[in-house]
Amino acid sequence: MARPGSPVRAIGLSYGARVTLIPWPVPEPELPASTHPVLADAARAAAAAYREARRLHTRPELAEEVAMGADGTPTMRVDALVEDAIAESAQRNRVNLLSEEAGFVDNGSAVTLVIDPLDGSSNAAAGVPLSCFAGVLTRDSIADEALTVWLDTGRAWWARTGESTPYRTTGRTTVDGAAVSLLRPKDNNREAWLRVADRAAKLRILGTTCLETALVAEGSVDAFADAGSDTLRIVDLAAALVTVPAAGGAVIDARGRPLEFDPDLTRRWSGIAAATSRLADELAETILG
């Protein structure tokens, strides 16, 4: 996908258009020294592309739907710009790519970079500072390393499979009194959503699954859940599958289906990331009623 817009066009914006640009800077990601060069390059490419997109395009332009993604959902311009930059990074580093918009891109490697290039696209296009890059390196469909970058702050969460992290979950074991992040309710899950809401002490709807699951790993919230709407794709949950267990938590599907690194992005899950396996199971029971 060719990137629309140019510096000349941006300089010529009218006053009315200029005021709809997002003025806040996008910092360089603060990456751990142990981050794999492929993940690091992809994250920096995402931040640079997002920074440039906000400099050149107004909020309505960033939110404009420019294509249909491989996952069957519309692609915003801001998604396309960021993903294009990551795809160039993957090709440069000679690894395959599995991404929300492009689907599976075979670059002839045994290693695949599984990414959500810009999780929280609607937030990103509107200037709400809650969006992130999330990526996982896999070899033969086995996850090895994960990185999540909060793009508006540069803050990063990194984890490697089988190794402990400096992050720790809260250790909470029950839904009652928990702080829970949820996807917004939909027509097919309103009753389940309310069952969780009735038991939790605090609820948040941030609109960025990858960031919310990183906050579970860090212990800022007790759990994140899609309360039975079957909305999430593997790219939404990939980083959590490494980061949350490394911090002592658990990631499951509410209906008990295996979470697999499958290139079929039409597959959906009702993912739960929780401080403990016991809390994850209790959330699933609450959702299913």
C-alpha atoms as a PDB file:
ATOM      1  CA  MET A   1       0.000   0.000   0.000  1.00  0.00           C
ATOM      2  CA  ALA A   2       1.452   3.339  -1.048  1.00  0.00           C
ATOM      3  CA  ARG A   3       1.598   5.950   1.658  1.00  0.00           C
ATOM      4  CA  PRO A   4      -0.670   8.931   0.909  1.00  0.00           C
ATOM      5  CA  GLY A   5       0.329  12.494   1.671  1.00  0.00           C
ATOM      6  CA  SER A   6       3.547  14.484   1.423  1.00  0.00           C
ATOM      7  CA  PRO A   7       5.449  17.179   3.338  1.00  0.00           C
ATOM      8  CA  VAL A   8       4.482  19.748   0.671  1.00  0.00           C
ATOM      9  CA  ARG A   9       0.806  18.983   1.167  1.00  0.00           C
ATOM     10  CA  ALA A  10       1.125  19.178   4.952  1.00  0.00           C
ATOM     11  CA  ILE A  11       2.789  22.611   4.846  1.00  0.00           C
ATOM     12  CA  GLY A  12      -0.092  23.884   2.731  1.00  0.00           C
ATOM     13  CA  LEU A  13      -2.831  22.880   5.171  1.00  0.00           C
ATOM     14  CA  SER A  14      -5.436  25.494   5.981  1.00  0.00           C
ATOM     15  CA  TYR A  15      -5.817  26.727   9.551  1.00  0.00           C
ATOM     16  CA  GLY A  16      -8.920  24.558  10.015  1.00  0.00           C
ATOM     17  CA  ALA A  17      -6.983  21.452   8.976  1.00  0.00           C
ATOM     18  CA  ARG A  18      -3.927  22.339  11.059  1.00  0.00           C
ATOM     19  CA  VAL A  19      -5.920  22.428  14.270  1.00  0.00           C
ATOM     20  CA  THR A  20      -6.988  18.805  13.703  1.00  0.00           C
ATOM     21  CA  LEU A  21      -3.386  17.593  13.596  1.00  0.00           C
ATOM     22  CA  ILE A  22      -2.221  15.814  16.755  1.00  0.00           C
ATOM     23  CA  PRO A  23       0.507  18.032  18.247  1.00  0.00           C
ATOM     24  CA  TRP A  24       2.015  15.692  20.836  1.00  0.00           C
ATOM     25  CA  PRO A  25       5.389  14.082  20.042  1.00  0.00           C
ATOM     26  CA  VAL A  26       5.935  10.335  19.629  1.00  0.00           C
ATOM     27  CA  PRO A  27       9.140   9.434  21.510  1.00  0.00           C
ATOM     28  CA  GLU A  28      11.700   6.788  20.659  1.00  0.00           C
ATOM     29  CA  PRO A  29      10.861   3.455  22.347  1.00  0.00           C
ATOM     30  CA  GLU A  30      12.795   2.709  25.530  1.00  0.00           C
ATOM     31  CA  LEU A  31      13.849  -0.848  24.726  1.00  0.00           C
ATOM     32  CA  PRO A  32      15.707  -3.279  26.993  1.00  0.00           C
ATOM     33  CA  ALA A  33      19.229  -4.082  25.783  1.00  0.00           C
ATOM     34  CA  SER A  34      18.255  -7.761  25.536  1.00  0.00           C
ATOM     35  CA  THR A  35      15.550  -7.108  22.915  1.00  0.00           C
ATOM     36  CA  HIS A  36      16.124  -9.138  19.745  1.00  0.00           C
ATOM     37  CA  PRO A  37      17.310  -6.863  16.895  1.00  0.00           C
ATOM     38  CA  VAL A  38      14.359  -7.907  14.711  1.00  0.00           C
ATOM     39  CA  LEU A  39      11.807  -6.918  17.376  1.00  0.00           C
ATOM     40  CA  ALA A  40      13.707  -3.732  18.175  1.00  0.00           C
ATOM     41  CA  ASP A  41      13.857  -2.692  14.524  1.00  0.00           C
ATOM     42  CA  ALA A  42      10.136  -3.347  14.050  1.00  0.00           C
ATOM     43  CA  ALA A  43       9.201  -1.342  17.143  1.00  0.00           C
ATOM     44  CA  ARG A  44      11.353   1.616  16.112  1.00  0.00           C
ATOM     45  CA  ALA A  45       9.897   1.477  12.603  1.00  0.00           C
ATOM     46  CA  ALA A  46       6.377   1.543  14.076  1.00  0.00           C
ATOM     47  CA  ALA A  47       7.146   4.551  16.273  1.00  0.00           C
ATOM     48  CA  ALA A  48       8.790   6.454  13.417  1.00  0.00           C
ATOM     49  CA  ALA A  49       5.879   5.782  11.063  1.00  0.00           C
ATOM     50  CA  TYR A  50       3.313   6.784  13.674  1.00  0.00           C
ATOM     51  CA  ARG A  51       5.283   9.969  14.402  1.00  0.00           C
ATOM     52  CA  GLU A  52       5.361  10.866  10.704  1.00  0.00           C
ATOM     53  CA  ALA A  53       1.692   9.985  10.206  1.00  0.00           C
ATOM     54  CA  ARG A  54       0.649  12.378  12.957  1.00  0.00           C
ATOM     55  CA  ARG A  55       2.865  15.121  11.528  1.00  0.00           C
ATOM     56  CA  LEU A  56       1.405  14.855   8.029  1.00  0.00           C
ATOM     57  CA  HIS A  57      -2.225  13.852   8.516  1.00  0.00           C
ATOM     58  CA  THR A  58      -5.230  15.273  10.302  1.00  0.00           C
ATOM     59  CA  ARG A  59      -7.374  13.205  12.643  1.00  0.00           C
ATOM     60  CA  PRO A  60     -10.029  12.545   9.949  1.00  0.00           C
ATOM     61  CA  GLU A  61      -7.322  11.497   7.490  1.00  0.00           C
ATOM     62  CA  LEU A  62      -5.725   9.132   9.988  1.00  0.00           C
ATOM     63  CA  ALA A  63      -9.114   7.523  10.655  1.00  0.00           C
ATOM     64  CA  GLU A  64     -10.095   7.162   6.984  1.00  0.00           C
ATOM     65  CA  GLU A  65     -10.680   3.562   5.910  1.00  0.00           C
ATOM     66  CA  VAL A  66      -8.335   2.845   3.013  1.00  0.00           C
ATOM     67  CA  ALA A  67      -8.526  -0.955   2.631  1.00  0.00           C
ATOM     68  CA  MET A  68      -9.928  -4.181   4.066  1.00  0.00           C
ATOM     69  CA  GLY A  69      -7.518  -6.060   6.317  1.00  0.00           C
ATOM     70  CA  ALA A  70      -6.691  -9.763   6.220  1.00  0.00           C
ATOM     71  CA  ASP A  71      -8.666 -10.134   9.448  1.00  0.00           C
ATOM     72  CA  GLY A  72     -11.840  -8.995   7.692  1.00  0.00           C
ATOM     73  CA  THR A  73     -12.018  -5.570   9.358  1.00  0.00           C
ATOM     74  CA  PRO A  74     -11.441  -2.154   7.734  1.00  0.00           C
ATOM     75  CA  THR A  75      -7.923  -0.733   7.668  1.00  0.00           C
ATOM     76  CA  MET A  76      -7.485   2.881   8.732  1.00  0.00           C
ATOM     77  CA  ARG A  77      -4.855   5.024   7.041  1.00  0.00           C
ATOM     78  CA  VAL A  78      -2.855   5.189  10.275  1.00  0.00           C
ATOM     79  CA  ASP A  79      -2.855   1.356  10.443  1.00  0.00           C
ATOM     80  CA  ALA A  80      -1.613   1.097   6.863  1.00  0.00           C
ATOM     81  CA  LEU A  81       1.193   3.614   7.338  1.00  0.00           C
ATOM     82  CA  VAL A  82       2.517   1.916  10.464  1.00  0.00           C
ATOM     83  CA  GLU A  83       2.162  -1.611   9.094  1.00  0.00           C
ATOM     84  CA  ASP A  84       3.923  -0.691   5.840  1.00  0.00           C
ATOM     85  CA  ALA A  85       6.943   0.472   7.828  1.00  0.00           C
ATOM     86  CA  ILE A  86       7.012  -2.749   9.855  1.00  0.00           C
ATOM     87  CA  ALA A  87       6.656  -4.860   6.703  1.00  0.00           C
ATOM     88  CA  GLU A  88       9.728  -3.114   5.287  1.00  0.00           C
ATOM     89  CA  SER A  89      11.559  -3.880   8.535  1.00  0.00           C
ATOM     90  CA  ALA A  90      10.590  -7.573   8.354  1.00  0.00           C
ATOM     91  CA  GLN A  91      11.747  -7.807   4.743  1.00  0.00           C
ATOM     92  CA  ARG A  92      14.995  -6.015   5.586  1.00  0.00           C
ATOM     93  CA  ASN A  93      15.627  -8.487   8.404  1.00  0.00           C
ATOM     94  CA  ARG A  94      14.527 -11.469   6.258  1.00  0.00           C
ATOM     95  CA  VAL A  95      11.821 -12.769   8.576  1.00  0.00           C
ATOM     96  CA  ASN A  96       8.219 -13.670   7.792  1.00  0.00           C
ATOM     97  CA  LEU A  97       5.402 -11.429   8.968  1.00  0.00           C
ATOM     98  CA  LEU A  98       1.943 -12.173  10.352  1.00  0.00           C
ATOM     99  CA  SER A  99       0.047  -8.931  10.774  1.00  0.00           C
ATOM    100  CA  GLU A 100      -3.489  -7.716  11.334  1.00  0.00           C
ATOM    101  CA  GLU A 101      -3.846  -5.936   7.998  1.00  0.00           C
ATOM    102  CA  ALA A 102      -1.478  -7.719   5.586  1.00  0.00           C
ATOM    103  CA  GLY A 103      -1.987 -11.253   6.870  1.00  0.00           C
ATOM    104  CA  PHE A 104       0.915 -13.673   6.370  1.00  0.00           C
ATOM    105  CA  VAL A 105       3.893 -12.412   4.364  1.00  0.00           C
ATOM    106  CA  ASP A 106       6.378 -15.169   3.483  1.00  0.00           C
ATOM    107  CA  ASN A 107       9.945 -13.904   3.336  1.00  0.00           C
ATOM    108  CA  GLY A 108      11.399 -17.421   3.250  1.00  0.00           C
ATOM    109  CA  SER A 109      12.406 -17.625   6.908  1.00  0.00           C
ATOM    110  CA  ALA A 110      11.917 -20.133   9.724  1.00  0.00           C
ATOM    111  CA  VAL A 111      11.220 -17.131  11.966  1.00  0.00           C
ATOM    112  CA  THR A 112       7.944 -15.215  11.888  1.00  0.00           C
ATOM    113  CA  LEU A 113       7.257 -11.833  13.427  1.00  0.00           C
ATOM    114  CA  VAL A 114       3.652 -11.835  14.707  1.00  0.00           C
ATOM    115  CA  ILE A 115       2.469  -8.271  15.254  1.00  0.00           C
ATOM    116  CA  ASP A 116      -0.365  -5.969  16.024  1.00  0.00           C
ATOM    117  CA  PRO A 117       1.215  -2.941  14.326  1.00  0.00           C
ATOM    118  CA  LEU A 118      -1.009  -0.353  15.973  1.00  0.00           C
ATOM    119  CA  ASP A 119      -3.312  -1.701  18.647  1.00  0.00           C
ATOM    120  CA  GLY A 120      -5.865   0.930  19.607  1.00  0.00           C
ATOM    121  CA  SER A 121      -6.175   2.390  16.103  1.00  0.00           C
ATOM    122  CA  SER A 122      -9.235   4.477  16.922  1.00  0.00           C
ATOM    123  CA  ASN A 123      -7.423   5.964  19.897  1.00  0.00           C
ATOM    124  CA  ALA A 124      -4.369   6.659  17.754  1.00  0.00           C
ATOM    125  CA  ALA A 125      -6.353   8.384  15.004  1.00  0.00           C
ATOM    126  CA  ALA A 126      -8.236  10.544  17.507  1.00  0.00           C
ATOM    127  CA  GLY A 127      -5.181  11.554  19.523  1.00  0.00           C
ATOM    128  CA  VAL A 128      -6.141   9.563  22.612  1.00  0.00           C
ATOM    129  CA  PRO A 129      -2.717   8.511  23.996  1.00  0.00           C
ATOM    130  CA  LEU A 130      -3.582   4.830  24.388  1.00  0.00           C
ATOM    131  CA  SER A 131      -2.139   2.826  21.507  1.00  0.00           C
ATOM    132  CA  CYS A 132       0.772   0.465  21.137  1.00  0.00           C
ATOM    133  CA  PHE A 133       2.931  -1.765  18.990  1.00  0.00           C
ATOM    134  CA  ALA A 134       3.021  -5.410  20.042  1.00  0.00           C
ATOM    135  CA  GLY A 135       5.169  -8.109  18.488  1.00  0.00           C
ATOM    136  CA  VAL A 136       6.264 -11.682  19.096  1.00  0.00           C
ATOM    137  CA  LEU A 137       9.067 -13.638  17.476  1.00  0.00           C
ATOM    138  CA  THR A 138       8.095 -17.232  16.743  1.00  0.00           C
ATOM    139  CA  ARG A 139      10.026 -20.168  15.341  1.00  0.00           C
ATOM    140  CA  ASP A 140       7.955 -23.046  13.946  1.00  0.00           C
ATOM    141  CA  SER A 141       4.841 -21.508  15.561  1.00  0.00           C
ATOM    142  CA  ILE A 142       6.474 -21.490  19.014  1.00  0.00           C
ATOM    143  CA  ALA A 143       6.710 -18.082  20.690  1.00  0.00           C
ATOM    144  CA  ASP A 144      10.183 -17.087  21.845  1.00  0.00           C
ATOM    145  CA  GLU A 145      10.131 -13.400  22.732  1.00  0.00           C
ATOM    146  CA  ALA A 146       7.570 -10.599  23.061  1.00  0.00           C
ATOM    147  CA  LEU A 147       7.692  -6.815  23.066  1.00  0.00           C
ATOM    148  CA  THR A 148       4.924  -4.291  23.704  1.00  0.00           C
ATOM    149  CA  VAL A 149       5.583  -0.557  23.252  1.00  0.00           C
ATOM    150  CA  TRP A 150       3.217   2.156  24.445  1.00  0.00           C
ATOM    151  CA  LEU A 151       3.753   4.488  21.505  1.00  0.00           C
ATOM    152  CA  ASP A 152       2.753   7.774  23.153  1.00  0.00           C
ATOM    153  CA  THR A 153       5.221   7.333  26.011  1.00  0.00           C
ATOM    154  CA  GLY A 154       7.945   5.047  24.629  1.00  0.00           C
ATOM    155  CA  ARG A 155       7.490   2.695  27.584  1.00  0.00           C
ATOM    156  CA  ALA A 156       8.099  -0.964  26.763  1.00  0.00           C
ATOM    157  CA  TRP A 157       7.411  -4.413  28.228  1.00  0.00           C
ATOM    158  CA  TRP A 158       9.696  -7.247  27.130  1.00  0.00           C
ATOM    159  CA  ALA A 159       9.677 -10.939  27.997  1.00  0.00           C
ATOM    160  CA  ARG A 160      11.245 -14.177  26.797  1.00  0.00           C
ATOM    161  CA  THR A 161       9.504 -17.544  27.052  1.00  0.00           C
ATOM    162  CA  GLY A 162      10.676 -19.581  30.030  1.00  0.00           C
ATOM    163  CA  GLU A 163      12.426 -16.664  31.752  1.00  0.00           C
ATOM    164  CA  SER A 164      11.221 -14.574  34.676  1.00  0.00           C
ATOM    165  CA  THR A 165      10.643 -10.847  34.261  1.00  0.00           C
ATOM    166  CA  PRO A 166      10.870  -7.843  36.576  1.00  0.00           C
ATOM    167  CA  TYR A 167       7.083  -7.524  36.260  1.00  0.00           C
ATOM    168  CA  ARG A 168       4.748  -9.274  38.647  1.00  0.00           C
ATOM    169  CA  THR A 169       0.983  -9.567  38.589  1.00  0.00           C
ATOM    170  CA  THR A 170      -1.118  -8.632  41.614  1.00  0.00           C
ATOM    171  CA  GLY A 171      -1.682 -12.271  42.514  1.00  0.00           C
ATOM    172  CA  ARG A 172      -5.430 -11.765  42.906  1.00  0.00           C
ATOM    173  CA  THR A 173      -7.462 -14.974  42.793  1.00  0.00           C
ATOM    174  CA  THR A 174     -11.106 -13.832  42.756  1.00  0.00           C
ATOM    175  CA  VAL A 175     -13.259 -11.599  40.560  1.00  0.00           C
ATOM    176  CA  ASP A 176     -14.958 -10.061  43.587  1.00  0.00           C
ATOM    177  CA  GLY A 177     -13.208  -6.769  44.296  1.00  0.00           C
ATOM    178  CA  ALA A 178     -10.933  -7.008  41.263  1.00  0.00           C
ATOM    179  CA  ALA A 179      -9.826  -4.202  38.944  1.00  0.00           C
ATOM    180  CA  VAL A 180     -10.734  -5.453  35.465  1.00  0.00           C
ATOM    181  CA  SER A 181     -10.254  -4.027  31.984  1.00  0.00           C
ATOM    182  CA  LEU A 182     -12.887  -5.120  29.476  1.00  0.00           C
ATOM    183  CA  LEU A 183     -13.640  -4.791  25.821  1.00  0.00           C
ATOM    184  CA  ARG A 184     -16.764  -2.687  25.352  1.00  0.00           C
ATOM    185  CA  PRO A 185     -20.019  -4.689  25.483  1.00  0.00           C
ATOM    186  CA  LYS A 186     -21.587  -5.812  22.202  1.00  0.00           C
ATOM    187  CA  ASP A 187     -25.006  -7.138  21.265  1.00  0.00           C
ATOM    188  CA  ASN A 188     -23.900 -10.752  21.715  1.00  0.00           C
ATOM    189  CA  ASN A 189     -22.398 -10.446  25.202  1.00  0.00           C
ATOM    190  CA  ARG A 190     -24.179  -7.762  27.204  1.00  0.00           C
ATOM    191  CA  GLU A 191     -25.397 -10.120  29.921  1.00  0.00           C
ATOM    192  CA  ALA A 192     -21.969 -11.698  30.339  1.00  0.00           C
ATOM    193  CA  TRP A 193     -20.357  -8.245  30.416  1.00  0.00           C
ATOM    194  CA  LEU A 194     -22.715  -7.136  33.179  1.00  0.00           C
ATOM    195  CA  ARG A 195     -22.026 -10.286  35.217  1.00  0.00           C
ATOM    196  CA  VAL A 196     -18.338  -9.367  35.307  1.00  0.00           C
ATOM    197  CA  ALA A 197     -19.125  -5.698  35.978  1.00  0.00           C
ATOM    198  CA  ASP A 198     -21.375  -6.589  38.917  1.00  0.00           C
ATOM    199  CA  ARG A 199     -18.590  -8.516  40.644  1.00  0.00           C
ATOM    200  CA  ALA A 200     -15.572  -6.326  39.886  1.00  0.00           C
ATOM    201  CA  ALA A 201     -14.672  -3.331  42.045  1.00  0.00           C
ATOM    202  CA  LYS A 202     -13.219  -1.246  39.205  1.00  0.00           C
ATOM    203  CA  LEU A 203     -13.784  -1.356  35.441  1.00  0.00           C
ATOM    204  CA  ARG A 204     -11.821   0.220  32.626  1.00  0.00           C
ATOM    205  CA  ILE A 205     -12.394   0.265  28.869  1.00  0.00           C
ATOM    206  CA  LEU A 206      -9.182   1.548  27.286  1.00  0.00           C
ATOM    207  CA  GLY A 207      -9.631   0.275  23.738  1.00  0.00           C
ATOM    208  CA  THR A 208      -6.181  -1.309  23.410  1.00  0.00           C
ATOM    209  CA  THR A 209      -5.938  -4.988  24.321  1.00  0.00           C
ATOM    210  CA  CYS A 210      -2.151  -5.247  23.992  1.00  0.00           C
ATOM    211  CA  LEU A 211      -1.550  -2.391  26.410  1.00  0.00           C
ATOM    212  CA  GLU A 212      -4.202  -3.636  28.828  1.00  0.00           C
ATOM    213  CA  THR A 213      -2.678  -7.113  28.999  1.00  0.00           C
ATOM    214  CA  ALA A 214       0.767  -5.572  29.602  1.00  0.00           C
ATOM    215  CA  LEU A 215      -0.761  -3.731  32.555  1.00  0.00           C
ATOM    216  CA  VAL A 216      -1.962  -7.098  33.909  1.00  0.00           C
ATOM    217  CA  ALA A 217       1.609  -8.394  33.745  1.00  0.00           C
ATOM    218  CA  GLU A 218       2.853  -5.316  35.553  1.00  0.00           C
ATOM    219  CA  GLY A 219       0.268  -5.546  38.314  1.00  0.00           C
ATOM    220  CA  SER A 220      -1.521  -2.292  37.486  1.00  0.00           C
ATOM    221  CA  VAL A 221      -4.813  -4.153  36.977  1.00  0.00           C
ATOM    222  CA  ASP A 222      -5.908  -7.616  38.029  1.00  0.00           C
ATOM    223  CA  ALA A 223      -7.276  -8.825  34.705  1.00  0.00           C
ATOM    224  CA  PHE A 224      -8.322  -8.054  31.160  1.00  0.00           C
ATOM    225  CA  ALA A 225     -11.133  -9.883  29.372  1.00  0.00           C
ATOM    226  CA  ASP A 226     -13.223 -10.058  26.261  1.00  0.00           C
ATOM    227  CA  ALA A 227     -16.444 -11.035  28.019  1.00  0.00           C
ATOM    228  CA  GLY A 228     -17.559 -13.625  25.494  1.00  0.00           C
ATOM    229  CA  SER A 229     -17.907 -11.534  22.326  1.00  0.00           C
ATOM    230  CA  ASP A 230     -15.304 -13.575  20.384  1.00  0.00           C
ATOM    231  CA  THR A 231     -13.613 -10.434  19.069  1.00  0.00           C
ATOM    232  CA  LEU A 232      -9.893 -11.031  19.600  1.00  0.00           C
ATOM    233  CA  ARG A 233      -7.439 -12.359  17.006  1.00  0.00           C
ATOM    234  CA  ILE A 234      -4.137 -14.051  17.737  1.00  0.00           C
ATOM    235  CA  VAL A 235      -2.277 -10.794  16.995  1.00  0.00           C
ATOM    236  CA  ASP A 236      -4.211  -9.146  19.849  1.00  0.00           C
ATOM    237  CA  LEU A 237      -3.123 -11.822  22.327  1.00  0.00           C
ATOM    238  CA  ALA A 238       0.309 -12.863  21.020  1.00  0.00           C
ATOM    239  CA  ALA A 239       2.441 -10.653  23.266  1.00  0.00           C
ATOM    240  CA  ALA A 240       0.280 -11.438  26.302  1.00  0.00           C
ATOM    241  CA  LEU A 241       0.864 -15.171  25.779  1.00  0.00           C
ATOM    242  CA  VAL A 242       4.542 -14.587  26.580  1.00  0.00           C
ATOM    243  CA  THR A 243       4.523 -11.583  28.908  1.00  0.00           C
ATOM    244  CA  VAL A 244       1.678 -12.425  31.303  1.00  0.00           C
ATOM    245  CA  PRO A 245       2.767 -16.004  32.196  1.00  0.00           C
ATOM    246  CA  ALA A 246       6.342 -14.763  32.670  1.00  0.00           C
ATOM    247  CA  ALA A 247       4.979 -12.368  35.297  1.00  0.00           C
ATOM    248  CA  GLY A 248       3.054 -15.100  37.129  1.00  0.00           C
ATOM    249  CA  GLY A 249      -0.297 -14.752  35.397  1.00  0.00           C
ATOM    250  CA  ALA A 250      -2.347 -16.758  32.907  1.00  0.00           C
ATOM    251  CA  VAL A 251      -3.861 -16.217  29.446  1.00  0.00           C
ATOM    252  CA  ILE A 252      -6.805 -18.369  28.356  1.00  0.00           C
ATOM    253  CA  ASP A 253      -9.848 -18.327  26.104  1.00  0.00           C
ATOM    254  CA  ALA A 254     -13.128 -18.013  28.019  1.00  0.00           C
ATOM    255  CA  ARG A 255     -14.551 -20.962  26.075  1.00  0.00           C
ATOM    256  CA  GLY A 256     -11.503 -23.164  26.584  1.00  0.00           C
ATOM    257  CA  ARG A 257     -10.256 -23.099  22.986  1.00  0.00           C
ATOM    258  CA  PRO A 258      -6.487 -23.342  22.471  1.00  0.00           C
ATOM    259  CA  LEU A 259      -4.725 -20.083  21.665  1.00  0.00           C
ATOM    260  CA  GLU A 260      -2.582 -20.883  18.619  1.00  0.00           C
ATOM    261  CA  PHE A 261      -0.237 -18.932  16.354  1.00  0.00           C
ATOM    262  CA  ASP A 262      -2.377 -19.577  13.299  1.00  0.00           C
ATOM    263  CA  PRO A 263      -1.996 -17.446  10.130  1.00  0.00           C
ATOM    264  CA  ASP A 264      -5.784 -17.616   9.698  1.00  0.00           C
ATOM    265  CA  LEU A 265      -6.764 -14.198  11.040  1.00  0.00           C
ATOM    266  CA  THR A 266     -10.469 -14.899  10.715  1.00  0.00           C
ATOM    267  CA  ARG A 267     -10.219 -17.016  13.881  1.00  0.00           C
ATOM    268  CA  ARG A 268     -11.512 -15.283  16.996  1.00  0.00           C
ATOM    269  CA  TRP A 269     -11.231 -15.786  20.743  1.00  0.00           C
ATOM    270  CA  SER A 270     -12.675 -14.364  23.955  1.00  0.00           C
ATOM    271  CA  GLY A 271      -9.292 -13.910  25.554  1.00  0.00           C
ATOM    272  CA  ILE A 272      -8.649 -13.470  29.266  1.00  0.00           C
ATOM    273  CA  ALA A 273      -5.369 -12.292  30.790  1.00  0.00           C
ATOM    274  CA  ALA A 274      -5.381 -12.535  34.569  1.00  0.00           C
ATOM    275  CA  ALA A 275      -3.104 -12.236  37.579  1.00  0.00           C
ATOM    276  CA  THR A 276      -3.483 -15.962  38.366  1.00  0.00           C
ATOM    277  CA  SER A 277      -4.858 -19.086  36.753  1.00  0.00           C
ATOM    278  CA  ARG A 278      -7.543 -19.205  39.433  1.00  0.00           C
ATOM    279  CA  LEU A 279      -8.720 -15.684  38.570  1.00  0.00           C
ATOM    280  CA  ALA A 280      -8.670 -16.492  34.837  1.00  0.00           C
ATOM    281  CA  ASP A 281     -10.828 -19.568  35.404  1.00  0.00           C
ATOM    282  CA  GLU A 282     -13.261 -17.676  37.629  1.00  0.00           C
ATOM    283  CA  LEU A 283     -13.605 -14.935  35.030  1.00  0.00           C
ATOM    284  CA  ALA A 284     -14.342 -17.564  32.382  1.00  0.00           C
ATOM    285  CA  GLU A 285     -16.998 -19.135  34.625  1.00  0.00           C
ATOM    286  CA  THR A 286     -18.559 -15.710  35.239  1.00  0.00           C
ATOM    287  CA  ILE A 287     -18.606 -14.913  31.520  1.00  0.00           C
ATOM    288  CA  LEU A 288     -20.177 -18.233  30.577  1.00  0.00           C
ATOM    289  CA  GLY A 289     -22.721 -17.968  33.368  1.00  0.00           C
END
